[in-house]
Amino acid sequence: MFERCVGLAWCLGCRIYTGAMVHVPRKRVLVDALASLPRDQRERLGRSEVELIEFLARQRS
């Protein structure tokens, strides 16, 4: 079946993002974009929505 996850989409040009509940197949492996970061940096990004989105945007560019 499916799991519910929060999906985010953002526009780098206008700096606007939206979030929605999405369904992902249970067998699909989701990549953790923060897995390679040190624990303290992951925690810092987790406390700031703006910093998290900016970090993720830099990873995609």
PDB file of N, CA and C in Angstrom:
ATOM      1  N   MET A   1       0.825  -1.181   0.000  1.00  0.00           N
ATOM      2  CA  MET A   1       0.000   0.000   0.000  1.00  0.00           C
ATOM      3  C   MET A   1       0.877   1.255   0.000  1.00  0.00           C
ATOM      4  N   PHE A   2       0.374   2.314   0.630  1.00  0.00           N
ATOM      5  CA  PHE A   2       1.054   3.595   0.590  1.00  0.00           C
ATOM      6  C   PHE A   2       1.291   4.155   1.994  1.00  0.00           C
ATOM      7  N   GLU A   3       2.284   5.005   2.084  1.00  0.00           N
ATOM      8  CA  GLU A   3       2.548   5.793   3.288  1.00  0.00           C
ATOM      9  C   GLU A   3       2.246   7.243   2.959  1.00  0.00           C
ATOM     10  N   ARG A   4       1.845   7.999   3.945  1.00  0.00           N
ATOM     11  CA  ARG A   4       1.627   9.426   3.741  1.00  0.00           C
ATOM     12  C   ARG A   4       2.898  10.174   4.117  1.00  0.00           C
ATOM     13  N   CYS A   5       3.300  11.088   3.277  1.00  0.00           N
ATOM     14  CA  CYS A   5       4.484  11.913   3.505  1.00  0.00           C
ATOM     15  C   CYS A   5       4.140  13.356   3.159  1.00  0.00           C
ATOM     16  N   VAL A   6       4.906  14.273   3.702  1.00  0.00           N
ATOM     17  CA  VAL A   6       4.752  15.674   3.321  1.00  0.00           C
ATOM     18  C   VAL A   6       5.663  15.921   2.130  1.00  0.00           C
ATOM     19  N   GLY A   7       5.083  16.429   1.061  1.00  0.00           N
ATOM     20  CA  GLY A   7       5.859  16.766  -0.131  1.00  0.00           C
ATOM     21  C   GLY A   7       5.998  18.270  -0.237  1.00  0.00           C
ATOM     22  N   LEU A   8       7.200  18.754  -0.493  1.00  0.00           N
ATOM     23  CA  LEU A   8       7.446  20.183  -0.675  1.00  0.00           C
ATOM     24  C   LEU A   8       7.900  20.441  -2.101  1.00  0.00           C
ATOM     25  N   ALA A   9       7.424  21.532  -2.651  1.00  0.00           N
ATOM     26  CA  ALA A   9       7.879  21.987  -3.970  1.00  0.00           C
ATOM     27  C   ALA A   9       8.198  23.464  -3.834  1.00  0.00           C
ATOM     28  N   TRP A  10       9.332  23.877  -4.387  1.00  0.00           N
ATOM     29  CA  TRP A  10       9.690  25.286  -4.284  1.00  0.00           C
ATOM     30  C   TRP A  10      10.210  25.805  -5.600  1.00  0.00           C
ATOM     31  N   CYS A  11      10.080  27.106  -5.764  1.00  0.00           N
ATOM     32  CA  CYS A  11      10.558  27.800  -6.952  1.00  0.00           C
ATOM     33  C   CYS A  11      11.761  28.643  -6.548  1.00  0.00           C
ATOM     34  N   LEU A  12      12.919  28.321  -7.098  1.00  0.00           N
ATOM     35  CA  LEU A  12      14.127  29.086  -6.754  1.00  0.00           C
ATOM     36  C   LEU A  12      14.036  30.533  -7.224  1.00  0.00           C
ATOM     37  N   GLY A  13      13.358  30.766  -8.333  1.00  0.00           N
ATOM     38  CA  GLY A  13      13.267  32.117  -8.876  1.00  0.00           C
ATOM     39  C   GLY A  13      12.437  33.045  -8.015  1.00  0.00           C
ATOM     40  N   CYS A  14      11.255  32.615  -7.623  1.00  0.00           N
ATOM     41  CA  CYS A  14      10.367  33.499  -6.848  1.00  0.00           C
ATOM     42  C   CYS A  14      10.433  33.219  -5.350  1.00  0.00           C
ATOM     43  N   ARG A  15      11.164  32.164  -4.948  1.00  0.00           N
ATOM     44  CA  ARG A  15      11.348  31.815  -3.538  1.00  0.00           C
ATOM     45  C   ARG A  15      10.015  31.551  -2.830  1.00  0.00           C
ATOM     46  N   ILE A  16       9.115  30.889  -3.530  1.00  0.00           N
ATOM     47  CA  ILE A  16       7.830  30.497  -2.961  1.00  0.00           C
ATOM     48  C   ILE A  16       7.778  28.969  -2.952  1.00  0.00           C
ATOM     49  N   TYR A  17       7.273  28.403  -1.869  1.00  0.00           N
ATOM     50  CA  TYR A  17       7.126  26.950  -1.832  1.00  0.00           C
ATOM     51  C   TYR A  17       5.743  26.573  -1.323  1.00  0.00           C
ATOM     52  N   THR A  18       5.366  25.378  -1.652  1.00  0.00           N
ATOM     53  CA  THR A  18       4.091  24.841  -1.198  1.00  0.00           C
ATOM     54  C   THR A  18       4.323  23.448  -0.627  1.00  0.00           C
ATOM     55  N   GLY A  19       3.457  23.044   0.228  1.00  0.00           N
ATOM     56  CA  GLY A  19       3.540  21.715   0.811  1.00  0.00           C
ATOM     57  C   GLY A  19       2.206  21.006   0.670  1.00  0.00           C
ATOM     58  N   ALA A  20       2.256  19.695   0.582  1.00  0.00           N
ATOM     59  CA  ALA A  20       1.030  18.908   0.458  1.00  0.00           C
ATOM     60  C   ALA A  20       1.286  17.510   1.000  1.00  0.00           C
ATOM     61  N   MET A  21       0.221  16.853   1.399  1.00  0.00           N
ATOM     62  CA  MET A  21       0.320  15.462   1.810  1.00  0.00           C
ATOM     63  C   MET A  21       0.349  14.621   0.537  1.00  0.00           C
ATOM     64  N   VAL A  22       1.324  13.735   0.413  1.00  0.00           N
ATOM     65  CA  VAL A  22       1.449  12.886  -0.769  1.00  0.00           C
ATOM     66  C   VAL A  22       1.476  11.421  -0.323  1.00  0.00           C
ATOM     67  N   HIS A  23       1.127  10.542  -1.229  1.00  0.00           N
ATOM     68  CA  HIS A  23       1.170   9.104  -0.953  1.00  0.00           C
ATOM     69  C   HIS A  23       2.349   8.495  -1.701  1.00  0.00           C
ATOM     70  N   VAL A  24       3.160   7.758  -0.976  1.00  0.00           N
ATOM     71  CA  VAL A  24       4.358   7.131  -1.532  1.00  0.00           C
ATOM     72  C   VAL A  24       4.236   5.621  -1.310  1.00  0.00           C
ATOM     73  N   PRO A  25       4.513   4.809  -2.344  1.00  0.00           N
ATOM     74  CA  PRO A  25       4.468   3.352  -2.144  1.00  0.00           C
ATOM     75  C   PRO A  25       5.399   2.931  -1.001  1.00  0.00           C
ATOM     76  N   ARG A  26       4.953   2.026  -0.164  1.00  0.00           N
ATOM     77  CA  ARG A  26       5.742   1.606   1.009  1.00  0.00           C
ATOM     78  C   ARG A  26       7.104   1.040   0.639  1.00  0.00           C
ATOM     79  N   LYS A  27       7.218   0.428  -0.518  1.00  0.00           N
ATOM     80  CA  LYS A  27       8.490  -0.182  -0.902  1.00  0.00           C
ATOM     81  C   LYS A  27       9.472   0.812  -1.509  1.00  0.00           C
ATOM     82  N   ARG A  28       9.027   2.015  -1.777  1.00  0.00           N
ATOM     83  CA  ARG A  28       9.918   3.017  -2.364  1.00  0.00           C
ATOM     84  C   ARG A  28      10.858   3.558  -1.291  1.00  0.00           C
ATOM     85  N   VAL A  29      12.150   3.578  -1.593  1.00  0.00           N
ATOM     86  CA  VAL A  29      13.149   4.092  -0.657  1.00  0.00           C
ATOM     87  C   VAL A  29      13.311   5.589  -0.904  1.00  0.00           C
ATOM     88  N   LEU A  30      13.094   6.368   0.148  1.00  0.00           N
ATOM     89  CA  LEU A  30      13.247   7.816   0.046  1.00  0.00           C
ATOM     90  C   LEU A  30      14.659   8.190   0.473  1.00  0.00           C
ATOM     91  N   VAL A  31      15.271   9.086  -0.274  1.00  0.00           N
ATOM     92  CA  VAL A  31      16.632   9.528   0.016  1.00  0.00           C
ATOM     93  C   VAL A  31      16.588  10.618   1.079  1.00  0.00           C
ATOM     94  N   ASP A  32      17.410  10.493   2.091  1.00  0.00           N
ATOM     95  CA  ASP A  32      17.522  11.511   3.136  1.00  0.00           C
ATOM     96  C   ASP A  32      18.610  12.495   2.718  1.00  0.00           C
ATOM     97  N   ALA A  33      18.202  13.680   2.296  1.00  0.00           N
ATOM     98  CA  ALA A  33      19.151  14.682   1.802  1.00  0.00           C
ATOM     99  C   ALA A  33      20.070  15.206   2.898  1.00  0.00           C
ATOM    100  N   LEU A  34      19.744  14.949   4.147  1.00  0.00           N
ATOM    101  CA  LEU A  34      20.554  15.437   5.265  1.00  0.00           C
ATOM    102  C   LEU A  34      21.411  14.340   5.901  1.00  0.00           C
ATOM    103  N   ALA A  35      21.330  13.132   5.394  1.00  0.00           N
ATOM    104  CA  ALA A  35      21.997  11.982   6.019  1.00  0.00           C
ATOM    105  C   ALA A  35      23.508  12.141   6.131  1.00  0.00           C
ATOM    106  N   SER A  36      24.126  12.814   5.187  1.00  0.00           N
ATOM    107  CA  SER A  36      25.590  12.925   5.201  1.00  0.00           C
ATOM    108  C   SER A  36      26.091  14.057   6.084  1.00  0.00           C
ATOM    109  N   LEU A  37      25.194  14.857   6.638  1.00  0.00           N
ATOM    110  CA  LEU A  37      25.593  15.999   7.461  1.00  0.00           C
ATOM    111  C   LEU A  37      25.872  15.578   8.896  1.00  0.00           C
ATOM    112  N   PRO A  38      26.739  16.310   9.570  1.00  0.00           N
ATOM    113  CA  PRO A  38      26.946  16.044  11.001  1.00  0.00           C
ATOM    114  C   PRO A  38      25.647  16.299  11.774  1.00  0.00           C
ATOM    115  N   ARG A  39      25.494  15.620  12.879  1.00  0.00           N
ATOM    116  CA  ARG A  39      24.259  15.701  13.669  1.00  0.00           C
ATOM    117  C   ARG A  39      23.889  17.134  14.036  1.00  0.00           C
ATOM    118  N   ASP A  40      24.854  17.928  14.483  1.00  0.00           N
ATOM    119  CA  ASP A  40      24.532  19.298  14.899  1.00  0.00           C
ATOM    120  C   ASP A  40      24.016  20.147  13.735  1.00  0.00           C
ATOM    121  N   GLN A  41      24.545  19.934  12.538  1.00  0.00           N
ATOM    122  CA  GLN A  41      24.066  20.684  11.382  1.00  0.00           C
ATOM    123  C   GLN A  41      22.656  20.240  10.986  1.00  0.00           C
ATOM    124  N   ARG A  42      22.382  18.936  11.041  1.00  0.00           N
ATOM    125  CA  ARG A  42      21.026  18.445  10.763  1.00  0.00           C
ATOM    126  C   ARG A  42      20.022  19.043  11.739  1.00  0.00           C
ATOM    127  N   GLU A  43      20.402  19.079  13.014  1.00  0.00           N
ATOM    128  CA  GLU A  43      19.500  19.633  14.031  1.00  0.00           C
ATOM    129  C   GLU A  43      19.264  21.127  13.805  1.00  0.00           C
ATOM    130  N   ARG A  44      20.305  21.856  13.438  1.00  0.00           N
ATOM    131  CA  ARG A  44      20.168  23.297  13.170  1.00  0.00           C
ATOM    132  C   ARG A  44      19.223  23.528  12.002  1.00  0.00           C
ATOM    133  N   LEU A  45      19.401  22.766  10.931  1.00  0.00           N
ATOM    134  CA  LEU A  45      18.516  22.905   9.774  1.00  0.00           C
ATOM    135  C   LEU A  45      17.081  22.522  10.124  1.00  0.00           C
ATOM    136  N   GLY A  46      16.915  21.559  11.008  1.00  0.00           N
ATOM    137  CA  GLY A  46      15.589  21.139  11.424  1.00  0.00           C
ATOM    138  C   GLY A  46      14.842  22.182  12.241  1.00  0.00           C
ATOM    139  N   ARG A  47      15.581  23.102  12.831  1.00  0.00           N
ATOM    140  CA  ARG A  47      14.951  24.155  13.627  1.00  0.00           C
ATOM    141  C   ARG A  47      14.595  25.395  12.822  1.00  0.00           C
ATOM    142  N   SER A  48      15.073  25.477  11.579  1.00  0.00           N
ATOM    143  CA  SER A  48      14.827  26.674  10.768  1.00  0.00           C
ATOM    144  C   SER A  48      14.301  26.269   9.396  1.00  0.00           C
ATOM    145  N   GLU A  49      13.043  26.518   9.172  1.00  0.00           N
ATOM    146  CA  GLU A  49      12.421  26.178   7.894  1.00  0.00           C
ATOM    147  C   GLU A  49      13.110  26.902   6.736  1.00  0.00           C
ATOM    148  N   VAL A  50      13.449  28.172   6.942  1.00  0.00           N
ATOM    149  CA  VAL A  50      14.096  28.965   5.893  1.00  0.00           C
ATOM    150  C   VAL A  50      15.464  28.379   5.553  1.00  0.00           C
ATOM    151  N   GLU A  51      16.270  28.093   6.576  1.00  0.00           N
ATOM    152  CA  GLU A  51      17.609  27.537   6.325  1.00  0.00           C
ATOM    153  C   GLU A  51      17.526  26.162   5.672  1.00  0.00           C
ATOM    154  N   LEU A  52      16.559  25.354   6.081  1.00  0.00           N
ATOM    155  CA  LEU A  52      16.397  24.021   5.491  1.00  0.00           C
ATOM    156  C   LEU A  52      16.093  24.128   4.004  1.00  0.00           C
ATOM    157  N   ILE A  53      15.156  24.963   3.643  1.00  0.00           N
ATOM    158  CA  ILE A  53      14.782  25.099   2.235  1.00  0.00           C
ATOM    159  C   ILE A  53      15.928  25.685   1.421  1.00  0.00           C
ATOM    160  N   GLU A  54      16.642  26.662   1.972  1.00  0.00           N
ATOM    161  CA  GLU A  54      17.794  27.216   1.258  1.00  0.00           C
ATOM    162  C   GLU A  54      18.884  26.167   1.059  1.00  0.00           C
ATOM    163  N   PHE A  55      19.119  25.341   2.076  1.00  0.00           N
ATOM    164  CA  PHE A  55      20.109  24.260   1.968  1.00  0.00           C
ATOM    165  C   PHE A  55      19.702  23.289   0.868  1.00  0.00           C
ATOM    166  N   LEU A  56      18.441  22.863   0.869  1.00  0.00           N
ATOM    167  CA  LEU A  56      17.975  21.922  -0.153  1.00  0.00           C
ATOM    168  C   LEU A  56      18.028  22.536  -1.543  1.00  0.00           C
ATOM    169  N   ALA A  57      17.717  23.800  -1.657  1.00  0.00           N
ATOM    170  CA  ALA A  57      17.769  24.474  -2.948  1.00  0.00           C
ATOM    171  C   ALA A  57      19.202  24.509  -3.489  1.00  0.00           C
ATOM    172  N   ARG A  58      20.161  24.725  -2.620  1.00  0.00           N
ATOM    173  CA  ARG A  58      21.571  24.746  -3.057  1.00  0.00           C
ATOM    174  C   ARG A  58      22.026  23.365  -3.522  1.00  0.00           C
ATOM    175  N   GLN A  59      21.462  22.305  -2.948  1.00  0.00           N
ATOM    176  CA  GLN A  59      21.838  20.952  -3.350  1.00  0.00           C
ATOM    177  C   GLN A  59      21.362  20.625  -4.763  1.00  0.00           C
ATOM    178  N   ARG A  60      20.270  21.236  -5.177  1.00  0.00           N
ATOM    179  CA  ARG A  60      19.674  20.953  -6.480  1.00  0.00           C
ATOM    180  C   ARG A  60      20.228  21.831  -7.597  1.00  0.00           C
ATOM    181  N   SER A  61      20.966  22.864  -7.256  1.00  0.00           N
ATOM    182  CA  SER A  61      21.452  23.772  -8.304  1.00  0.00           C
ATOM    183  C   SER A  61      22.851  23.416  -8.756  1.00  0.00           C
TER     184      SER A  61
END
